[in-house]
Amino acid sequence: MKAARALLGIDQKELARLAQLSLPTIQRMEASAGVVRAVVDSLEKVINALNEAGVELIAAGGRSEGSGRGVRLLERD
Protein backbone atom coordinates (compact mmCIF):
# COMPACT_ATOMS: atom_id res chain seq x y z
CA MET A 1 0.00 0.00 0.00
CA LYS A 2 2.84 2.36 0.81
CA ALA A 3 4.42 1.76 -2.58
CA ALA A 4 1.09 2.35 -4.33
CA ARG A 5 0.63 5.61 -2.42
CA ALA A 6 4.18 6.64 -3.34
CA LEU A 7 3.47 6.02 -7.03
CA LEU A 8 0.43 8.28 -6.76
CA GLY A 9 2.13 10.85 -4.56
CA ILE A 10 -0.61 10.70 -1.93
CA ASP A 11 -0.55 10.33 1.85
CA GLN A 12 -2.57 8.02 4.08
CA LYS A 13 -5.23 10.67 4.62
CA GLU A 14 -5.84 11.00 0.87
CA LEU A 15 -6.00 7.22 0.41
CA ALA A 16 -8.53 7.04 3.23
CA ARG A 17 -10.61 9.68 1.46
CA LEU A 18 -10.39 7.92 -1.91
CA ALA A 19 -11.33 4.56 -0.36
CA GLN A 20 -14.03 6.10 1.84
CA LEU A 21 -12.42 4.64 4.96
CA SER A 22 -11.14 6.17 8.16
CA LEU A 23 -7.51 7.23 8.52
CA PRO A 24 -6.97 4.80 11.45
CA THR A 25 -8.17 1.94 9.21
CA ILE A 26 -5.54 2.79 6.58
CA GLN A 27 -2.89 3.19 9.29
CA ARG A 28 -3.74 -0.24 10.76
CA MET A 29 -3.65 -1.86 7.34
CA GLU A 30 -0.25 -0.39 6.54
CA ALA A 31 1.12 -1.37 9.96
CA SER A 32 0.39 -5.05 9.26
CA ALA A 33 3.58 -7.06 8.87
CA GLY A 34 3.60 -9.14 5.69
CA VAL A 35 0.06 -9.83 4.55
CA VAL A 36 -2.31 -6.90 5.11
CA ARG A 37 -4.80 -7.70 7.85
CA ALA A 38 -8.17 -6.08 7.25
CA VAL A 39 -11.88 -6.67 6.80
CA VAL A 40 -12.42 -7.91 3.23
CA ASP A 41 -14.77 -5.01 2.45
CA SER A 42 -12.15 -2.46 3.54
CA LEU A 43 -9.43 -4.16 1.53
CA GLU A 44 -11.67 -4.17 -1.57
CA LYS A 45 -12.32 -0.45 -1.11
CA VAL A 46 -8.59 0.27 -1.00
CA ILE A 47 -7.87 -1.90 -4.04
CA ASN A 48 -10.68 -0.26 -6.02
CA ALA A 49 -9.54 3.23 -5.01
CA LEU A 50 -5.96 2.48 -6.07
CA ASN A 51 -7.12 0.98 -9.37
CA GLU A 52 -9.30 4.00 -10.11
CA ALA A 53 -6.38 6.29 -9.30
CA GLY A 54 -4.22 4.41 -11.82
CA VAL A 55 -2.29 1.78 -9.84
CA GLU A 56 -2.46 -1.86 -10.86
CA LEU A 57 -1.79 -4.29 -8.01
CA ILE A 58 -0.06 -7.47 -9.17
CA ALA A 59 -0.25 -10.64 -7.08
CA ALA A 60 2.89 -12.67 -6.42
CA GLY A 61 3.56 -14.62 -9.60
CA GLY A 62 0.69 -12.79 -11.30
CA ARG A 63 0.75 -11.29 -14.76
CA SER A 64 0.01 -7.68 -15.51
CA GLU A 65 -2.79 -6.99 -17.94
CA GLY A 66 -1.80 -3.33 -18.16
CA SER A 67 0.46 -1.70 -20.68
CA GLY A 68 2.45 0.66 -18.46
CA ARG A 69 5.74 0.18 -16.69
CA GLY A 70 5.81 -1.36 -13.27
CA VAL A 71 7.86 -2.66 -10.40
CA ARG A 72 7.76 -5.85 -8.41
CA LEU A 73 9.60 -6.74 -5.20
CA LEU A 74 11.84 -9.77 -5.69
CA GLU A 75 11.73 -12.59 -3.19
CA ARG A 76 14.89 -12.95 -1.14
CA ASP A 77 16.25 -16.30 0.03
PDB file of N, CA and C in Angstrom:
ATOM      1  N   MET A   1       0.821  -1.187   0.000  1.00  0.00           N
ATOM      2  CA  MET A   1       0.000   0.000   0.000  1.00  0.00           C
ATOM      3  C   MET A   1       0.865   1.252   0.000  1.00  0.00           C
ATOM      4  N   LYS A   2       1.962   1.197   0.760  1.00  0.00           N
ATOM      5  CA  LYS A   2       2.842   2.364   0.811  1.00  0.00           C
ATOM      6  C   LYS A   2       3.438   2.649  -0.564  1.00  0.00           C
ATOM      7  N   ALA A   3       3.839   1.590  -1.253  1.00  0.00           N
ATOM      8  CA  ALA A   3       4.422   1.764  -2.582  1.00  0.00           C
ATOM      9  C   ALA A   3       3.393   2.326  -3.554  1.00  0.00           C
ATOM     10  N   ALA A   4       2.164   1.847  -3.461  1.00  0.00           N
ATOM     11  CA  ALA A   4       1.093   2.347  -4.329  1.00  0.00           C
ATOM     12  C   ALA A   4       0.841   3.830  -4.054  1.00  0.00           C
ATOM     13  N   ARG A   5       0.826   4.200  -2.769  1.00  0.00           N
ATOM     14  CA  ARG A   5       0.633   5.612  -2.423  1.00  0.00           C
ATOM     15  C   ARG A   5       1.785   6.453  -2.954  1.00  0.00           C
ATOM     16  N   ALA A   6       3.006   5.910  -2.851  1.00  0.00           N
ATOM     17  CA  ALA A   6       4.183   6.639  -3.338  1.00  0.00           C
ATOM     18  C   ALA A   6       4.089   6.874  -4.845  1.00  0.00           C
ATOM     19  N   LEU A   7       3.629   5.857  -5.582  1.00  0.00           N
ATOM     20  CA  LEU A   7       3.472   6.020  -7.032  1.00  0.00           C
ATOM     21  C   LEU A   7       2.486   7.136  -7.365  1.00  0.00           C
ATOM     22  N   LEU A   8       1.461   7.263  -6.540  1.00  0.00           N
ATOM     23  CA  LEU A   8       0.428   8.279  -6.763  1.00  0.00           C
ATOM     24  C   LEU A   8       0.782   9.628  -6.147  1.00  0.00           C
ATOM     25  N   GLY A   9       1.766   9.620  -5.245  1.00  0.00           N
ATOM     26  CA  GLY A   9       2.128  10.854  -4.558  1.00  0.00           C
ATOM     27  C   GLY A   9       1.068  11.316  -3.567  1.00  0.00           C
ATOM     28  N   ILE A  10       0.434  10.350  -2.890  1.00  0.00           N
ATOM     29  CA  ILE A  10      -0.606  10.698  -1.925  1.00  0.00           C
ATOM     30  C   ILE A  10      -0.223  10.180  -0.542  1.00  0.00           C
ATOM     31  N   ASP A  11      -0.803  10.775   0.479  1.00  0.00           N
ATOM     32  CA  ASP A  11      -0.555  10.329   1.846  1.00  0.00           C
ATOM     33  C   ASP A  11      -1.692   9.416   2.316  1.00  0.00           C
ATOM     34  N   GLN A  12      -1.564   8.932   3.542  1.00  0.00           N
ATOM     35  CA  GLN A  12      -2.571   8.025   4.085  1.00  0.00           C
ATOM     36  C   GLN A  12      -3.945   8.686   4.160  1.00  0.00           C
ATOM     37  N   LYS A  13      -3.958   9.944   4.501  1.00  0.00           N
ATOM     38  CA  LYS A  13      -5.231  10.667   4.620  1.00  0.00           C
ATOM     39  C   LYS A  13      -5.955  10.710   3.276  1.00  0.00           C
ATOM     40  N   GLU A  14      -5.225  10.954   2.197  1.00  0.00           N
ATOM     41  CA  GLU A  14      -5.840  10.998   0.870  1.00  0.00           C
ATOM     42  C   GLU A  14      -6.321   9.616   0.445  1.00  0.00           C
ATOM     43  N   LEU A  15      -5.549   8.574   0.737  1.00  0.00           N
ATOM     44  CA  LEU A  15      -5.996   7.216   0.405  1.00  0.00           C
ATOM     45  C   LEU A  15      -7.268   6.883   1.174  1.00  0.00           C
ATOM     46  N   ALA A  16      -7.323   7.272   2.439  1.00  0.00           N
ATOM     47  CA  ALA A  16      -8.531   7.040   3.230  1.00  0.00           C
ATOM     48  C   ALA A  16      -9.726   7.731   2.582  1.00  0.00           C
ATOM     49  N   ARG A  17      -9.522   8.942   2.115  1.00  0.00           N
ATOM     50  CA  ARG A  17     -10.607   9.683   1.457  1.00  0.00           C
ATOM     51  C   ARG A  17     -11.038   8.977   0.172  1.00  0.00           C
ATOM     52  N   LEU A  18     -10.081   8.583  -0.642  1.00  0.00           N
ATOM     53  CA  LEU A  18     -10.391   7.918  -1.914  1.00  0.00           C
ATOM     54  C   LEU A  18     -11.120   6.588  -1.695  1.00  0.00           C
ATOM     55  N   ALA A  19     -10.730   5.871  -0.647  1.00  0.00           N
ATOM     56  CA  ALA A  19     -11.327   4.564  -0.364  1.00  0.00           C
ATOM     57  C   ALA A  19     -12.574   4.670   0.513  1.00  0.00           C
ATOM     58  N   GLN A  20     -12.884   5.867   0.949  1.00  0.00           N
ATOM     59  CA  GLN A  20     -14.026   6.102   1.842  1.00  0.00           C
ATOM     60  C   GLN A  20     -13.911   5.268   3.123  1.00  0.00           C
ATOM     61  N   LEU A  21     -12.700   5.310   3.702  1.00  0.00           N
ATOM     62  CA  LEU A  21     -12.416   4.636   4.959  1.00  0.00           C
ATOM     63  C   LEU A  21     -11.832   5.654   5.926  1.00  0.00           C
ATOM     64  N   SER A  22     -11.731   5.274   7.184  1.00  0.00           N
ATOM     65  CA  SER A  22     -11.137   6.174   8.163  1.00  0.00           C
ATOM     66  C   SER A  22      -9.603   6.118   8.071  1.00  0.00           C
ATOM     67  N   LEU A  23      -8.968   7.195   8.492  1.00  0.00           N
ATOM     68  CA  LEU A  23      -7.512   7.232   8.520  1.00  0.00           C
ATOM     69  C   LEU A  23      -6.941   6.133   9.417  1.00  0.00           C
ATOM     70  N   PRO A  24      -7.498   5.898  10.627  1.00  0.00           N
ATOM     71  CA  PRO A  24      -6.973   4.800  11.451  1.00  0.00           C
ATOM     72  C   PRO A  24      -7.049   3.425  10.766  1.00  0.00           C
ATOM     73  N   THR A  25      -8.065   3.209   9.936  1.00  0.00           N
ATOM     74  CA  THR A  25      -8.167   1.937   9.207  1.00  0.00           C
ATOM     75  C   THR A  25      -6.991   1.785   8.254  1.00  0.00           C
ATOM     76  N   ILE A  26      -6.680   2.826   7.504  1.00  0.00           N
ATOM     77  CA  ILE A  26      -5.535   2.790   6.578  1.00  0.00           C
ATOM     78  C   ILE A  26      -4.246   2.600   7.367  1.00  0.00           C
ATOM     79  N   GLN A  27      -4.097   3.300   8.468  1.00  0.00           N
ATOM     80  CA  GLN A  27      -2.894   3.186   9.287  1.00  0.00           C
ATOM     81  C   GLN A  27      -2.725   1.766   9.811  1.00  0.00           C
ATOM     82  N   ARG A  28      -3.803   1.144  10.281  1.00  0.00           N
ATOM     83  CA  ARG A  28      -3.736  -0.239  10.761  1.00  0.00           C
ATOM     84  C   ARG A  28      -3.362  -1.196   9.632  1.00  0.00           C
ATOM     85  N   MET A  29      -3.950  -0.982   8.471  1.00  0.00           N
ATOM     86  CA  MET A  29      -3.654  -1.859   7.340  1.00  0.00           C
ATOM     87  C   MET A  29      -2.178  -1.761   6.957  1.00  0.00           C
ATOM     88  N   GLU A  30      -1.647  -0.556   6.922  1.00  0.00           N
ATOM     89  CA  GLU A  30      -0.245  -0.386   6.542  1.00  0.00           C
ATOM     90  C   GLU A  30       0.706  -0.871   7.628  1.00  0.00           C
ATOM     91  N   ALA A  31       0.261  -0.920   8.865  1.00  0.00           N
ATOM     92  CA  ALA A  31       1.117  -1.370   9.957  1.00  0.00           C
ATOM     93  C   ALA A  31       1.209  -2.896  10.027  1.00  0.00           C
ATOM     94  N   SER A  32       0.369  -3.585   9.268  1.00  0.00           N
ATOM     95  CA  SER A  32       0.392  -5.048   9.260  1.00  0.00           C
ATOM     96  C   SER A  32       1.719  -5.537   8.686  1.00  0.00           C
ATOM     97  N   ALA A  33       2.330  -6.476   9.371  1.00  0.00           N
ATOM     98  CA  ALA A  33       3.580  -7.065   8.875  1.00  0.00           C
ATOM     99  C   ALA A  33       3.240  -8.161   7.873  1.00  0.00           C
ATOM    100  N   GLY A  34       3.870  -8.120   6.709  1.00  0.00           N
ATOM    101  CA  GLY A  34       3.601  -9.135   5.687  1.00  0.00           C
ATOM    102  C   GLY A  34       2.259  -8.921   5.030  1.00  0.00           C
ATOM    103  N   VAL A  35       1.382  -9.895   5.152  1.00  0.00           N
ATOM    104  CA  VAL A  35       0.056  -9.835   4.551  1.00  0.00           C
ATOM    105  C   VAL A  35      -0.783  -8.787   5.277  1.00  0.00           C
ATOM    106  N   VAL A  36      -1.469  -7.946   4.514  1.00  0.00           N
ATOM    107  CA  VAL A  36      -2.309  -6.904   5.106  1.00  0.00           C
ATOM    108  C   VAL A  36      -3.487  -7.545   5.814  1.00  0.00           C
ATOM    109  N   ARG A  37      -3.675  -7.181   7.075  1.00  0.00           N
ATOM    110  CA  ARG A  37      -4.803  -7.698   7.850  1.00  0.00           C
ATOM    111  C   ARG A  37      -5.896  -6.648   7.846  1.00  0.00           C
ATOM    112  N   ALA A  38      -7.059  -7.025   7.326  1.00  0.00           N
ATOM    113  CA  ALA A  38      -8.174  -6.081   7.249  1.00  0.00           C
ATOM    114  C   ALA A  38      -9.466  -6.832   6.962  1.00  0.00           C
ATOM    115  N   VAL A  39     -10.572  -6.159   7.189  1.00  0.00           N
ATOM    116  CA  VAL A  39     -11.880  -6.670   6.798  1.00  0.00           C
ATOM    117  C   VAL A  39     -11.891  -6.696   5.265  1.00  0.00           C
ATOM    118  N   VAL A  40     -12.421  -7.745   4.685  1.00  0.00           N
ATOM    119  CA  VAL A  40     -12.415  -7.908   3.226  1.00  0.00           C
ATOM    120  C   VAL A  40     -13.023  -6.690   2.533  1.00  0.00           C
ATOM    121  N   ASP A  41     -14.120  -6.170   3.052  1.00  0.00           N
ATOM    122  CA  ASP A  41     -14.768  -5.010   2.447  1.00  0.00           C
ATOM    123  C   ASP A  41     -13.827  -3.801   2.410  1.00  0.00           C
ATOM    124  N   SER A  42     -13.086  -3.593   3.485  1.00  0.00           N
ATOM    125  CA  SER A  42     -12.150  -2.465   3.542  1.00  0.00           C
ATOM    126  C   SER A  42     -11.016  -2.651   2.544  1.00  0.00           C
ATOM    127  N   LEU A  43     -10.509  -3.870   2.469  1.00  0.00           N
ATOM    128  CA  LEU A  43      -9.434  -4.159   1.528  1.00  0.00           C
ATOM    129  C   LEU A  43      -9.900  -3.952   0.090  1.00  0.00           C
ATOM    130  N   GLU A  44     -11.119  -4.379  -0.223  1.00  0.00           N
ATOM    131  CA  GLU A  44     -11.666  -4.173  -1.566  1.00  0.00           C
ATOM    132  C   GLU A  44     -11.801  -2.686  -1.882  1.00  0.00           C
ATOM    133  N   LYS A  45     -12.201  -1.888  -0.899  1.00  0.00           N
ATOM    134  CA  LYS A  45     -12.321  -0.448  -1.115  1.00  0.00           C
ATOM    135  C   LYS A  45     -10.972   0.176  -1.436  1.00  0.00           C
ATOM    136  N   VAL A  46      -9.931  -0.255  -0.730  1.00  0.00           N
ATOM    137  CA  VAL A  46      -8.588   0.266  -0.998  1.00  0.00           C
ATOM    138  C   VAL A  46      -8.122  -0.151  -2.385  1.00  0.00           C
ATOM    139  N   ILE A  47      -8.291  -1.410  -2.720  1.00  0.00           N
ATOM    140  CA  ILE A  47      -7.873  -1.903  -4.041  1.00  0.00           C
ATOM    141  C   ILE A  47      -8.602  -1.154  -5.147  1.00  0.00           C
ATOM    142  N   ASN A  48      -9.907  -0.989  -5.008  1.00  0.00           N
ATOM    143  CA  ASN A  48     -10.682  -0.263  -6.022  1.00  0.00           C
ATOM    144  C   ASN A  48     -10.240   1.188  -6.126  1.00  0.00           C
ATOM    145  N   ALA A  49      -9.984   1.824  -4.998  1.00  0.00           N
ATOM    146  CA  ALA A  49      -9.544   3.227  -5.012  1.00  0.00           C
ATOM    147  C   ALA A  49      -8.196   3.351  -5.708  1.00  0.00           C
ATOM    148  N   LEU A  50      -7.277   2.430  -5.422  1.00  0.00           N
ATOM    149  CA  LEU A  50      -5.961   2.475  -6.069  1.00  0.00           C
ATOM    150  C   LEU A  50      -6.083   2.216  -7.569  1.00  0.00           C
ATOM    151  N   ASN A  51      -6.916   1.251  -7.945  1.00  0.00           N
ATOM    152  CA  ASN A  51      -7.124   0.976  -9.371  1.00  0.00           C
ATOM    153  C   ASN A  51      -7.688   2.194 -10.091  1.00  0.00           C
ATOM    154  N   GLU A  52      -8.693   2.826  -9.494  1.00  0.00           N
ATOM    155  CA  GLU A  52      -9.303   4.003 -10.115  1.00  0.00           C
ATOM    156  C   GLU A  52      -8.330   5.166 -10.208  1.00  0.00           C
ATOM    157  N   ALA A  53      -7.373   5.220  -9.277  1.00  0.00           N
ATOM    158  CA  ALA A  53      -6.379   6.286  -9.300  1.00  0.00           C
ATOM    159  C   ALA A  53      -5.240   5.992 -10.281  1.00  0.00           C
ATOM    160  N   GLY A  54      -5.201   4.738 -10.796  1.00  0.00           N
ATOM    161  CA  GLY A  54      -4.217   4.411 -11.819  1.00  0.00           C
ATOM    162  C   GLY A  54      -3.132   3.449 -11.409  1.00  0.00           C
ATOM    163  N   VAL A  55      -3.291   2.753 -10.287  1.00  0.00           N
ATOM    164  CA  VAL A  55      -2.293   1.780  -9.844  1.00  0.00           C
ATOM    165  C   VAL A  55      -2.849   0.375 -10.024  1.00  0.00           C
ATOM    166  N   GLU A  56      -2.083  -0.462 -10.691  1.00  0.00           N
ATOM    167  CA  GLU A  56      -2.460  -1.863 -10.865  1.00  0.00           C
ATOM    168  C   GLU A  56      -1.703  -2.691  -9.831  1.00  0.00           C
ATOM    169  N   LEU A  57      -2.419  -3.415  -8.991  1.00  0.00           N
ATOM    170  CA  LEU A  57      -1.794  -4.291  -8.008  1.00  0.00           C
ATOM    171  C   LEU A  57      -1.599  -5.662  -8.643  1.00  0.00           C
ATOM    172  N   ILE A  58      -0.392  -6.194  -8.539  1.00  0.00           N
ATOM    173  CA  ILE A  58      -0.060  -7.468  -9.171  1.00  0.00           C
ATOM    174  C   ILE A  58       0.245  -8.485  -8.077  1.00  0.00           C
ATOM    175  N   ALA A  59      -0.467  -9.579  -8.072  1.00  0.00           N
ATOM    176  CA  ALA A  59      -0.248 -10.637  -7.078  1.00  0.00           C
ATOM    177  C   ALA A  59       1.095 -11.312  -7.323  1.00  0.00           C
ATOM    178  N   ALA A  60       1.637 -11.925  -6.284  1.00  0.00           N
ATOM    179  CA  ALA A  60       2.885 -12.669  -6.421  1.00  0.00           C
ATOM    180  C   ALA A  60       2.737 -13.713  -7.517  1.00  0.00           C
ATOM    181  N   GLY A  61       3.613 -13.681  -8.488  1.00  0.00           N
ATOM    182  CA  GLY A  61       3.555 -14.620  -9.602  1.00  0.00           C
ATOM    183  C   GLY A  61       2.490 -14.278 -10.624  1.00  0.00           C
ATOM    184  N   GLY A  62       1.760 -13.189 -10.387  1.00  0.00           N
ATOM    185  CA  GLY A  62       0.694 -12.793 -11.303  1.00  0.00           C
ATOM    186  C   GLY A  62       1.214 -12.063 -12.515  1.00  0.00           C
ATOM    187  N   ARG A  63       0.405 -12.007 -13.539  1.00  0.00           N
ATOM    188  CA  ARG A  63       0.746 -11.292 -14.763  1.00  0.00           C
ATOM    189  C   ARG A  63       0.014  -9.962 -14.775  1.00  0.00           C
ATOM    190  N   SER A  64       0.638  -8.987 -15.380  1.00  0.00           N
ATOM    191  CA  SER A  64       0.012  -7.677 -15.508  1.00  0.00           C
ATOM    192  C   SER A  64      -0.752  -7.617 -16.815  1.00  0.00           C
ATOM    193  N   GLU A  65      -1.975  -7.161 -16.747  1.00  0.00           N
ATOM    194  CA  GLU A  65      -2.792  -6.986 -17.942  1.00  0.00           C
ATOM    195  C   GLU A  65      -2.645  -5.575 -18.499  1.00  0.00           C
ATOM    196  N   GLY A  66      -1.973  -4.711 -17.747  1.00  0.00           N
ATOM    197  CA  GLY A  66      -1.802  -3.326 -18.161  1.00  0.00           C
ATOM    198  C   GLY A  66      -0.702  -3.171 -19.191  1.00  0.00           C
ATOM    199  N   SER A  67      -0.550  -1.952 -19.659  1.00  0.00           N
ATOM    200  CA  SER A  67       0.462  -1.704 -20.677  1.00  0.00           C
ATOM    201  C   SER A  67       1.551  -0.745 -20.202  1.00  0.00           C
ATOM    202  N   GLY A  68       1.445  -0.277 -18.970  1.00  0.00           N
ATOM    203  CA  GLY A  68       2.446   0.662 -18.457  1.00  0.00           C
ATOM    204  C   GLY A  68       3.629  -0.056 -17.838  1.00  0.00           C
ATOM    205  N   ARG A  69       4.590   0.737 -17.393  1.00  0.00           N
ATOM    206  CA  ARG A  69       5.739   0.182 -16.695  1.00  0.00           C
ATOM    207  C   ARG A  69       5.336  -0.174 -15.287  1.00  0.00           C
ATOM    208  N   GLY A  70       6.143  -0.983 -14.633  1.00  0.00           N
ATOM    209  CA  GLY A  70       5.807  -1.361 -13.271  1.00  0.00           C
ATOM    210  C   GLY A  70       7.013  -1.846 -12.509  1.00  0.00           C
ATOM    211  N   VAL A  71       6.808  -2.115 -11.252  1.00  0.00           N
ATOM    212  CA  VAL A  71       7.855  -2.662 -10.402  1.00  0.00           C
ATOM    213  C   VAL A  71       7.278  -3.827  -9.620  1.00  0.00           C
ATOM    214  N   ARG A  72       8.168  -4.698  -9.223  1.00  0.00           N
ATOM    215  CA  ARG A  72       7.762  -5.845  -8.412  1.00  0.00           C
ATOM    216  C   ARG A  72       8.906  -6.134  -7.456  1.00  0.00           C
ATOM    217  N   LEU A  73       8.595  -6.402  -6.198  1.00  0.00           N
ATOM    218  CA  LEU A  73       9.602  -6.737  -5.203  1.00  0.00           C
ATOM    219  C   LEU A  73      10.027  -8.183  -5.398  1.00  0.00           C
ATOM    220  N   LEU A  74      11.319  -8.407  -5.515  1.00  0.00           N
ATOM    221  CA  LEU A  74      11.845  -9.766  -5.687  1.00  0.00           C
ATOM    222  C   LEU A  74      11.869 -10.486  -4.359  1.00  0.00           C
ATOM    223  N   GLU A  75      11.624 -11.795  -4.404  1.00  0.00           N
ATOM    224  CA  GLU A  75      11.726 -12.593  -3.192  1.00  0.00           C
ATOM    225  C   GLU A  75      13.196 -12.802  -2.871  1.00  0.00           C
ATOM    226  N   ARG A  76      13.521 -12.718  -1.601  1.00  0.00           N
ATOM    227  CA  ARG A  76      14.891 -12.953  -1.136  1.00  0.00           C
ATOM    228  C   ARG A  76      14.952 -14.292  -0.440  1.00  0.00           C
ATOM    229  N   ASP A  77      16.057 -14.993  -0.627  1.00  0.00           N
ATOM    230  CA  ASP A  77      16.250 -16.297   0.028  1.00  0.00           C
ATOM    231  C   ASP A  77      16.490 -16.142   1.491  1.00  0.00           C
TER     232      ASP A  77
END
